PDB file of N, CA and C in Angstrom:
ATOM      1  N   MET A   1     170.028 121.098  96.987  1.00  0.00           N
ATOM      2  CA  MET A   1     170.104 119.679  98.534  1.00  0.00           C
ATOM      3  C   MET A   1     171.865 119.141  98.420  1.00  0.00           C
ATOM      4  N   LYS A   2     172.497 118.602  98.070  1.00  0.00           N
ATOM      5  CA  LYS A   2     173.318 117.669  99.135  1.00  0.00           C
ATOM      6  C   LYS A   2     174.769 119.129  98.184  1.00  0.00           C
ATOM      7  N   LYS A   3     174.613 120.803  98.293  1.00  0.00           N
ATOM      8  CA  LYS A   3     175.624 121.698  97.566  1.00  0.00           C
ATOM      9  C   LYS A   3     175.598 121.923  99.626  1.00  0.00           C
ATOM     10  N   PHE A   4     173.421 122.198  99.266  1.00  0.00           N
ATOM     11  CA  PHE A   4     173.261 123.214 101.049  1.00  0.00           C
ATOM     12  C   PHE A   4     174.122 121.895 101.938  1.00  0.00           C
ATOM     13  N   VAL A   5     174.240 120.653 101.547  1.00  0.00           N
ATOM     14  CA  VAL A   5     174.175 119.590 103.077  1.00  0.00           C
ATOM     15  C   VAL A   5     175.966 120.308 103.644  1.00  0.00           C
ATOM     16  N   ALA A   6     176.704 119.947 102.020  1.00  0.00           N
ATOM     17  CA  ALA A   6     177.844 119.949 102.297  1.00  0.00           C
ATOM     18  C   ALA A   6     178.522 121.775 102.345  1.00  0.00           C
ATOM     19  N   ILE A   7     178.391 122.475 101.967  1.00  0.00           N
ATOM     20  CA  ILE A   7     178.032 123.783 102.832  1.00  0.00           C
ATOM     21  C   ILE A   7     177.446 124.035 104.136  1.00  0.00           C
ATOM     22  N   ALA A   8     176.884 123.027 104.690  1.00  0.00           N
ATOM     23  CA  ALA A   8     175.868 123.116 106.202  1.00  0.00           C
ATOM     24  C   ALA A   8     177.363 122.750 106.871  1.00  0.00           C
ATOM     25  N   GLY A   9     176.912 121.379 106.457  1.00  0.00           N
ATOM     26  CA  GLY A   9     178.615 121.141 106.295  1.00  0.00           C
ATOM     27  C   GLY A   9     179.795 121.634 107.517  1.00  0.00           C
ATOM     28  N   GLY A  10     180.572 122.283 106.113  1.00  0.00           N
ATOM     29  CA  GLY A  10     181.661 122.789 106.249  1.00  0.00           C
ATOM     30  C   GLY A  10     181.138 124.122 106.862  1.00  0.00           C
ATOM     31  N   LEU A  11     180.662 124.430 107.333  1.00  0.00           N
ATOM     32  CA  LEU A  11     180.254 125.387 108.545  1.00  0.00           C
ATOM     33  C   LEU A  11     179.964 125.230 109.195  1.00  0.00           C
ATOM     34  N   ILE A  12     179.452 124.207 110.413  1.00  0.00           N
ATOM     35  CA  ILE A  12     179.374 123.723 111.397  1.00  0.00           C
ATOM     36  C   ILE A  12     181.444 122.786 111.542  1.00  0.00           C
ATOM     37  N   LEU A  13     181.258 122.287 110.375  1.00  0.00           N
ATOM     38  CA  LEU A  13     183.398 121.935 110.709  1.00  0.00           C
ATOM     39  C   LEU A  13     183.796 123.165 110.891  1.00  0.00           C
ATOM     40  N   ALA A  14     184.100 124.314 110.350  1.00  0.00           N
ATOM     41  CA  ALA A  14     185.103 125.005 110.498  1.00  0.00           C
ATOM     42  C   ALA A  14     184.529 125.848 112.335  1.00  0.00           C
ATOM     43  N   SER A  15     182.896 126.672 112.517  1.00  0.00           N
ATOM     44  CA  SER A  15     182.427 126.566 114.246  1.00  0.00           C
ATOM     45  C   SER A  15     182.703 125.402 114.484  1.00  0.00           C
ATOM     46  N   GLY A  16     182.871 124.776 114.871  1.00  0.00           N
ATOM     47  CA  GLY A  16     183.778 122.542 116.195  1.00  0.00           C
ATOM     48  C   GLY A  16     185.615 123.467 116.088  1.00  0.00           C
ATOM     49  N   LEU A  17     186.309 123.298 114.668  1.00  0.00           N
ATOM     50  CA  LEU A  17     187.171 124.092 115.214  1.00  0.00           C
ATOM     51  C   LEU A  17     187.972 125.289 115.507  1.00  0.00           C
ATOM     52  N   ALA A  18     186.852 126.408 115.767  1.00  0.00           N
ATOM     53  CA  ALA A  18     186.940 127.657 116.110  1.00  0.00           C
ATOM     54  C   ALA A  18     187.293 127.087 117.468  1.00  0.00           C
ATOM     55  N   VAL A  19     185.801 126.468 117.962  1.00  0.00           N
ATOM     56  CA  VAL A  19     186.103 126.456 119.145  1.00  0.00           C
ATOM     57  C   VAL A  19     187.029 124.967 120.404  1.00  0.00           C
ATOM     58  N   ALA A  20     187.249 124.161 119.547  1.00  0.00           N
ATOM     59  CA  ALA A  20     187.974 123.574 119.560  1.00  0.00           C
ATOM     60  C   ALA A  20     189.302 124.122 120.420  1.00  0.00           C
ATOM     61  N   GLY A  21     189.972 125.152 119.084  1.00  0.00           N
ATOM     62  CA  GLY A  21     191.093 125.659 119.108  1.00  0.00           C
ATOM     63  C   GLY A  21     192.132 125.035 119.015  1.00  0.00           C
ATOM     64  N   GLY A  22     193.567 125.260 119.497  1.00  0.00           N
ATOM     65  CA  GLY A  22     194.756 124.674 120.219  1.00  0.00           C
ATOM     66  C   GLY A  22     195.361 123.466 119.609  1.00  0.00           C
ATOM     67  N   ASP A  23     196.242 122.716 119.873  1.00  0.00           N
ATOM     68  CA  ASP A  23     196.604 121.502 119.640  1.00  0.00           C
ATOM     69  C   ASP A  23     196.478 120.047 119.731  1.00  0.00           C
ATOM     70  N   GLN A  24     195.027 120.602 121.073  1.00  0.00           N
ATOM     71  CA  GLN A  24     195.224 119.083 121.181  1.00  0.00           C
ATOM     72  C   GLN A  24     194.666 118.174 120.718  1.00  0.00           C
ATOM     73  N   LYS A  25     195.268 117.031 120.642  1.00  0.00           N
ATOM     74  CA  LYS A  25     194.733 115.683 119.683  1.00  0.00           C
ATOM     75  C   LYS A  25     192.867 114.675 120.615  1.00  0.00           C
ATOM     76  N   GLN A  26     192.384 114.447 120.183  1.00  0.00           N
ATOM     77  CA  GLN A  26     191.329 113.954 120.678  1.00  0.00           C
ATOM     78  C   GLN A  26     191.252 112.822 120.094  1.00  0.00           C
ATOM     79  N   THR A  27     191.482 111.742 119.721  1.00  0.00           N
ATOM     80  CA  THR A  27     191.277 110.993 119.319  1.00  0.00           C
ATOM     81  C   THR A  27     190.264 109.609 120.290  1.00  0.00           C
ATOM     82  N   LYS A  28     188.667 109.429 119.136  1.00  0.00           N
ATOM     83  CA  LYS A  28     187.942 108.876 119.182  1.00  0.00           C
ATOM     84  C   LYS A  28     188.530 107.674 118.465  1.00  0.00           C
ATOM     85  N   SER A  29     186.837 106.541 119.382  1.00  0.00           N
ATOM     86  CA  SER A  29     186.783 105.080 118.105  1.00  0.00           C
ATOM     87  C   SER A  29     185.511 105.568 117.403  1.00  0.00           C
ATOM     88  N   PHE A  30     185.768 104.912 116.370  1.00  0.00           N
ATOM     89  CA  PHE A  30     184.417 104.804 115.649  1.00  0.00           C
ATOM     90  C   PHE A  30     183.713 105.514 115.539  1.00  0.00           C
ATOM     91  N   ASN A  31     183.319 104.149 116.942  1.00  0.00           N
ATOM     92  CA  ASN A  31     181.238 104.121 118.040  1.00  0.00           C
ATOM     93  C   ASN A  31     181.540 105.134 118.612  1.00  0.00           C
ATOM     94  N   GLU A  32     183.212 105.689 118.859  1.00  0.00           N
ATOM     95  CA  GLU A  32     182.020 107.534 120.013  1.00  0.00           C
ATOM     96  C   GLU A  32     182.212 107.959 118.910  1.00  0.00           C
ATOM     97  N   LEU A  33     182.420 107.938 117.390  1.00  0.00           N
ATOM     98  CA  LEU A  33     182.305 109.241 116.545  1.00  0.00           C
ATOM     99  C   LEU A  33     180.592 109.301 115.983  1.00  0.00           C
ATOM    100  N   ASP A  34     180.271 108.376 116.004  1.00  0.00           N
ATOM    101  CA  ASP A  34     178.627 107.809 114.734  1.00  0.00           C
ATOM    102  C   ASP A  34     177.863 107.437 115.875  1.00  0.00           C
ATOM    103  N   GLU A  35     177.713 108.955 116.491  1.00  0.00           N
ATOM    104  CA  GLU A  35     176.342 109.390 117.916  1.00  0.00           C
ATOM    105  C   GLU A  35     175.186 108.464 117.209  1.00  0.00           C
ATOM    106  N   ASN A  36     174.892 108.351 116.561  1.00  0.00           N
ATOM    107  CA  ASN A  36     173.549 107.679 115.638  1.00  0.00           C
ATOM    108  C   ASN A  36     173.718 106.127 115.069  1.00  0.00           C
ATOM    109  N   GLN A  37     174.587 105.633 115.758  1.00  0.00           N
ATOM    110  CA  GLN A  37     174.607 104.560 115.755  1.00  0.00           C
ATOM    111  C   GLN A  37     174.745 103.959 114.019  1.00  0.00           C
ATOM    112  N   ASP A  38     174.615 104.657 112.812  1.00  0.00           N
ATOM    113  CA  ASP A  38     174.029 105.097 111.679  1.00  0.00           C
ATOM    114  C   ASP A  38     174.933 103.729 111.079  1.00  0.00           C
ATOM    115  N   GLY A  39     175.999 103.792 110.820  1.00  0.00           N
ATOM    116  CA  GLY A  39     177.042 103.044 110.319  1.00  0.00           C
ATOM    117  C   GLY A  39     177.910 103.717 109.792  1.00  0.00           C
ATOM    118  N   VAL A  40     177.922 105.103 110.004  1.00  0.00           N
ATOM    119  CA  VAL A  40     179.085 105.840 108.519  1.00  0.00           C
ATOM    120  C   VAL A  40     179.033 107.060 109.618  1.00  0.00           C
ATOM    121  N   ILE A  41     180.210 107.966 108.953  1.00  0.00           N
ATOM    122  CA  ILE A  41     180.359 108.985 110.393  1.00  0.00           C
ATOM    123  C   ILE A  41     180.293 110.946 109.696  1.00  0.00           C
ATOM    124  N   THR A  42     178.773 111.243 109.664  1.00  0.00           N
ATOM    125  CA  THR A  42     178.496 112.622 109.209  1.00  0.00           C
ATOM    126  C   THR A  42     180.626 113.626 109.716  1.00  0.00           C
ATOM    127  N   GLN A  43     180.388 115.056 108.558  1.00  0.00           N
ATOM    128  CA  GLN A  43     180.681 114.960 109.030  1.00  0.00           C
ATOM    129  C   GLN A  43     180.788 116.229 110.159  1.00  0.00           C
ATOM    130  N   THR A  44     179.831 116.805 110.084  1.00  0.00           N
ATOM    131  CA  THR A  44     178.734 117.502 111.368  1.00  0.00           C
ATOM    132  C   THR A  44     179.507 116.075 112.747  1.00  0.00           C
ATOM    133  N   GLU A  45     178.690 114.906 112.790  1.00  0.00           N
ATOM    134  CA  GLU A  45     180.018 113.983 113.710  1.00  0.00           C
ATOM    135  C   GLU A  45     181.489 113.613 113.273  1.00  0.00           C
ATOM    136  N   ALA A  46     181.837 114.920 112.399  1.00  0.00           N
ATOM    137  CA  ALA A  46     183.511 114.233 112.783  1.00  0.00           C
ATOM    138  C   ALA A  46     183.799 115.810 113.575  1.00  0.00           C
ATOM    139  N   SER A  47     182.680 116.756 113.962  1.00  0.00           N
ATOM    140  CA  SER A  47     183.602 117.474 114.454  1.00  0.00           C
ATOM    141  C   SER A  47     184.082 117.461 116.074  1.00  0.00           C
ATOM    142  N   ALA A  48     184.110 116.375 116.843  1.00  0.00           N
ATOM    143  CA  ALA A  48     183.973 116.170 117.823  1.00  0.00           C
ATOM    144  C   ALA A  48     185.312 115.725 117.872  1.00  0.00           C
ATOM    145  N   ASP A  49     185.962 115.028 116.808  1.00  0.00           N
ATOM    146  CA  ASP A  49     187.348 115.107 116.347  1.00  0.00           C
ATOM    147  C   ASP A  49     187.863 116.047 115.818  1.00  0.00           C
ATOM    148  N   GLN A  50     189.363 116.996 116.170  1.00  0.00           N
ATOM    149  CA  GLN A  50     189.378 118.821 115.299  1.00  0.00           C
ATOM    150  C   GLN A  50     190.972 117.149 114.060  1.00  0.00           C
ATOM    151  N   ASN A  51     190.878 116.485 114.330  1.00  0.00           N
ATOM    152  CA  ASN A  51     191.993 116.010 114.074  1.00  0.00           C
ATOM    153  C   ASN A  51     190.847 115.099 112.375  1.00  0.00           C
ATOM    154  N   LEU A  52     190.177 114.564 112.601  1.00  0.00           N
ATOM    155  CA  LEU A  52     189.408 113.593 112.431  1.00  0.00           C
ATOM    156  C   LEU A  52     189.135 115.709 111.305  1.00  0.00           C
ATOM    157  N   VAL A  53     188.644 115.854 111.503  1.00  0.00           N
ATOM    158  CA  VAL A  53     187.611 116.941 111.161  1.00  0.00           C
ATOM    159  C   VAL A  53     189.211 117.373 109.809  1.00  0.00           C
ATOM    160  N   ALA A  54     190.184 117.356 110.523  1.00  0.00           N
ATOM    161  CA  ALA A  54     190.735 118.010 109.158  1.00  0.00           C
ATOM    162  C   ALA A  54     191.144 117.224 107.979  1.00  0.00           C
ATOM    163  N   HIS A  55     191.300 115.324 108.312  1.00  0.00           N
ATOM    164  CA  HIS A  55     191.603 115.083 107.425  1.00  0.00           C
ATOM    165  C   HIS A  55     189.677 114.082 106.451  1.00  0.00           C
ATOM    166  N   PHE A  56     189.012 114.925 107.403  1.00  0.00           N
ATOM    167  CA  PHE A  56     187.141 113.970 106.305  1.00  0.00           C
ATOM    168  C   PHE A  56     187.316 114.177 104.852  1.00  0.00           C
ATOM    169  N   GLN A  57     187.951 115.079 104.452  1.00  0.00           N
ATOM    170  CA  GLN A  57     187.753 115.465 103.226  1.00  0.00           C
ATOM    171  C   GLN A  57     188.510 114.031 102.423  1.00  0.00           C
ATOM    172  N   THR A  58     190.140 113.903 102.266  1.00  0.00           N
ATOM    173  CA  THR A  58     191.464 113.171 102.306  1.00  0.00           C
ATOM    174  C   THR A  58     190.447 111.298 102.580  1.00  0.00           C
ATOM    175  N   ALA A  59     189.758 111.595 103.603  1.00  0.00           N
ATOM    176  CA  ALA A  59     188.776 110.139 104.577  1.00  0.00           C
ATOM    177  C   ALA A  59     188.504 109.354 103.370  1.00  0.00           C
ATOM    178  N   ASP A  60     187.724 110.514 102.591  1.00  0.00           N
ATOM    179  CA  ASP A  60     185.704 110.600 102.624  1.00  0.00           C
ATOM    180  C   ASP A  60     185.869 109.545 100.740  1.00  0.00           C
ATOM    181  N   ALA A  61     187.075 108.597 101.047  1.00  0.00           N
ATOM    182  CA  ALA A  61     188.000 108.143  99.591  1.00  0.00           C
ATOM    183  C   ALA A  61     186.693 108.224  98.583  1.00  0.00           C
ATOM    184  N   ASN A  62     185.389 107.997  98.665  1.00  0.00           N
ATOM    185  CA  ASN A  62     184.683 108.164  97.530  1.00  0.00           C
ATOM    186  C   ASN A  62     184.095 109.449  97.809  1.00  0.00           C
ATOM    187  N   GLN A  63     184.272 110.288  98.493  1.00  0.00           N
ATOM    188  CA  GLN A  63     183.958 111.464  98.307  1.00  0.00           C
ATOM    189  C   GLN A  63     182.260 112.323  98.049  1.00  0.00           C
ATOM    190  N   ASP A  64     181.485 111.035  99.135  1.00  0.00           N
ATOM    191  CA  ASP A  64     179.415 110.649  99.524  1.00  0.00           C
ATOM    192  C   ASP A  64     179.167 111.377 100.662  1.00  0.00           C
ATOM    193  N   GLY A  65     180.154 111.518 101.577  1.00  0.00           N
ATOM    194  CA  GLY A  65     179.977 113.485 102.227  1.00  0.00           C
ATOM    195  C   GLY A  65     180.069 112.528 103.781  1.00  0.00           C
ATOM    196  N   TYR A  66     179.915 111.239 103.484  1.00  0.00           N
ATOM    197  CA  TYR A  66     180.133 109.663 104.798  1.00  0.00           C
ATOM    198  C   TYR A  66     181.595 109.067 105.084  1.00  0.00           C
ATOM    199  N   LEU A  67     181.801 108.479 106.404  1.00  0.00           N
ATOM    200  CA  LEU A  67     182.415 107.920 106.723  1.00  0.00           C
ATOM    201  C   LEU A  67     182.468 106.467 107.040  1.00  0.00           C
ATOM    202  N   THR A  68     182.891 105.467 106.586  1.00  0.00           N
ATOM    203  CA  THR A  68     182.541 104.202 106.378  1.00  0.00           C
ATOM    204  C   THR A  68     183.205 103.273 107.799  1.00  0.00           C
ATOM    205  N   PRO A  69     183.050 102.791 107.950  1.00  0.00           N
ATOM    206  CA  PRO A  69     184.450 102.003 108.697  1.00  0.00           C
ATOM    207  C   PRO A  69     185.849 101.491 109.010  1.00  0.00           C
ATOM    208  N   ALA A  70     185.242 101.541 107.129  1.00  0.00           N
ATOM    209  CA  ALA A  70     187.096 101.307 106.485  1.00  0.00           C
ATOM    210  C   ALA A  70     187.979 102.494 106.401  1.00  0.00           C
ATOM    211  N   GLU A  71     186.619 102.834 105.617  1.00  0.00           N
ATOM    212  CA  GLU A  71     187.163 104.455 105.416  1.00  0.00           C
ATOM    213  C   GLU A  71     188.682 105.071 106.612  1.00  0.00           C
ATOM    214  N   PHE A  72     186.848 105.065 108.126  1.00  0.00           N
ATOM    215  CA  PHE A  72     187.755 105.954 109.277  1.00  0.00           C
ATOM    216  C   PHE A  72     188.982 105.203 110.004  1.00  0.00           C
ATOM    217  N   ASP A  73     188.860 103.361 109.332  1.00  0.00           N
ATOM    218  CA  ASP A  73     190.054 102.535 110.032  1.00  0.00           C
ATOM    219  C   ASP A  73     191.666 102.692 109.149  1.00  0.00           C
ATOM    220  N   THR A  74     191.372 103.468 107.261  1.00  0.00           N
ATOM    221  CA  THR A  74     191.921 103.758 107.274  1.00  0.00           C
ATOM    222  C   THR A  74     192.964 105.393 107.107  1.00  0.00           C
ATOM    223  N   ILE A  75     191.827 106.403 107.237  1.00  0.00           N
ATOM    224  CA  ILE A  75     192.765 107.819 107.578  1.00  0.00           C
ATOM    225  C   ILE A  75     193.458 107.707 109.234  1.00  0.00           C
ATOM    226  N   GLN A  76     192.652 106.491 110.350  1.00  0.00           N
ATOM    227  CA  GLN A  76     193.819 106.528 111.366  1.00  0.00           C
ATOM    228  C   GLN A  76     194.869 105.853 111.876  1.00  0.00           C
ATOM    229  N   GLN A  77     195.004 105.042 110.880  1.00  0.00           N
ATOM    230  CA  GLN A  77     196.614 104.599 110.694  1.00  0.00           C
ATOM    231  C   GLN A  77     197.203 105.225 109.224  1.00  0.00           C
ATOM    232  N   GLU A  78     196.482 106.221 108.865  1.00  0.00           N
ATOM    233  CA  GLU A  78     197.722 107.129 107.925  1.00  0.00           C
ATOM    234  C   GLU A  78     198.573 108.073 109.316  1.00  0.00           C
ATOM    235  N   MET A  79     197.290 109.095 109.922  1.00  0.00           N
ATOM    236  CA  MET A  79     197.163 109.856 110.356  1.00  0.00           C
ATOM    237  C   MET A  79     198.415 109.474 111.698  1.00  0.00           C
ATOM    238  N   GLU A  80     198.145 108.158 112.517  1.00  0.00           N
ATOM    239  CA  GLU A  80     198.778 107.620 113.029  1.00  0.00           C
ATOM    240  C   GLU A  80     200.212 107.438 112.068  1.00  0.00           C
ATOM    241  N   GLU A  81     200.557 106.973 111.231  1.00  0.00           N
ATOM    242  CA  GLU A  81     201.686 106.670 110.721  1.00  0.00           C
ATOM    243  C   GLU A  81     202.768 107.905 110.679  1.00  0.00           C
ATOM    244  N   ALA A  82     201.800 109.006 110.544  1.00  0.00           N
ATOM    245  CA  ALA A  82     202.157 110.301 110.217  1.00  0.00           C
ATOM    246  C   ALA A  82     203.418 110.905 111.514  1.00  0.00           C
ATOM    247  N   GLU A  83     202.760 110.921 112.542  1.00  0.00           N
ATOM    248  CA  GLU A  83     202.929 111.572 113.983  1.00  0.00           C
ATOM    249  C   GLU A  83     204.454 111.135 114.420  1.00  0.00           C
TER     250      GLU A  83
END
């Protein structure tokens, strides 16, 4: 089941990238991305921010398929420093 979710999430993220196109930067807050307000960002929810999509696997430090607020803050800081 976990593999199915990972594959489905990847396909959804890929389709989100195809739709987004270009190099538009869309910086959204954790709360904006956490659509169902369950305290984590899923890969599907992350698809609303193409920059986060590109860094999701790196940001997901424990590789559980979700970003916690701490993981999100860490990757946001790293992305800002890289700019």
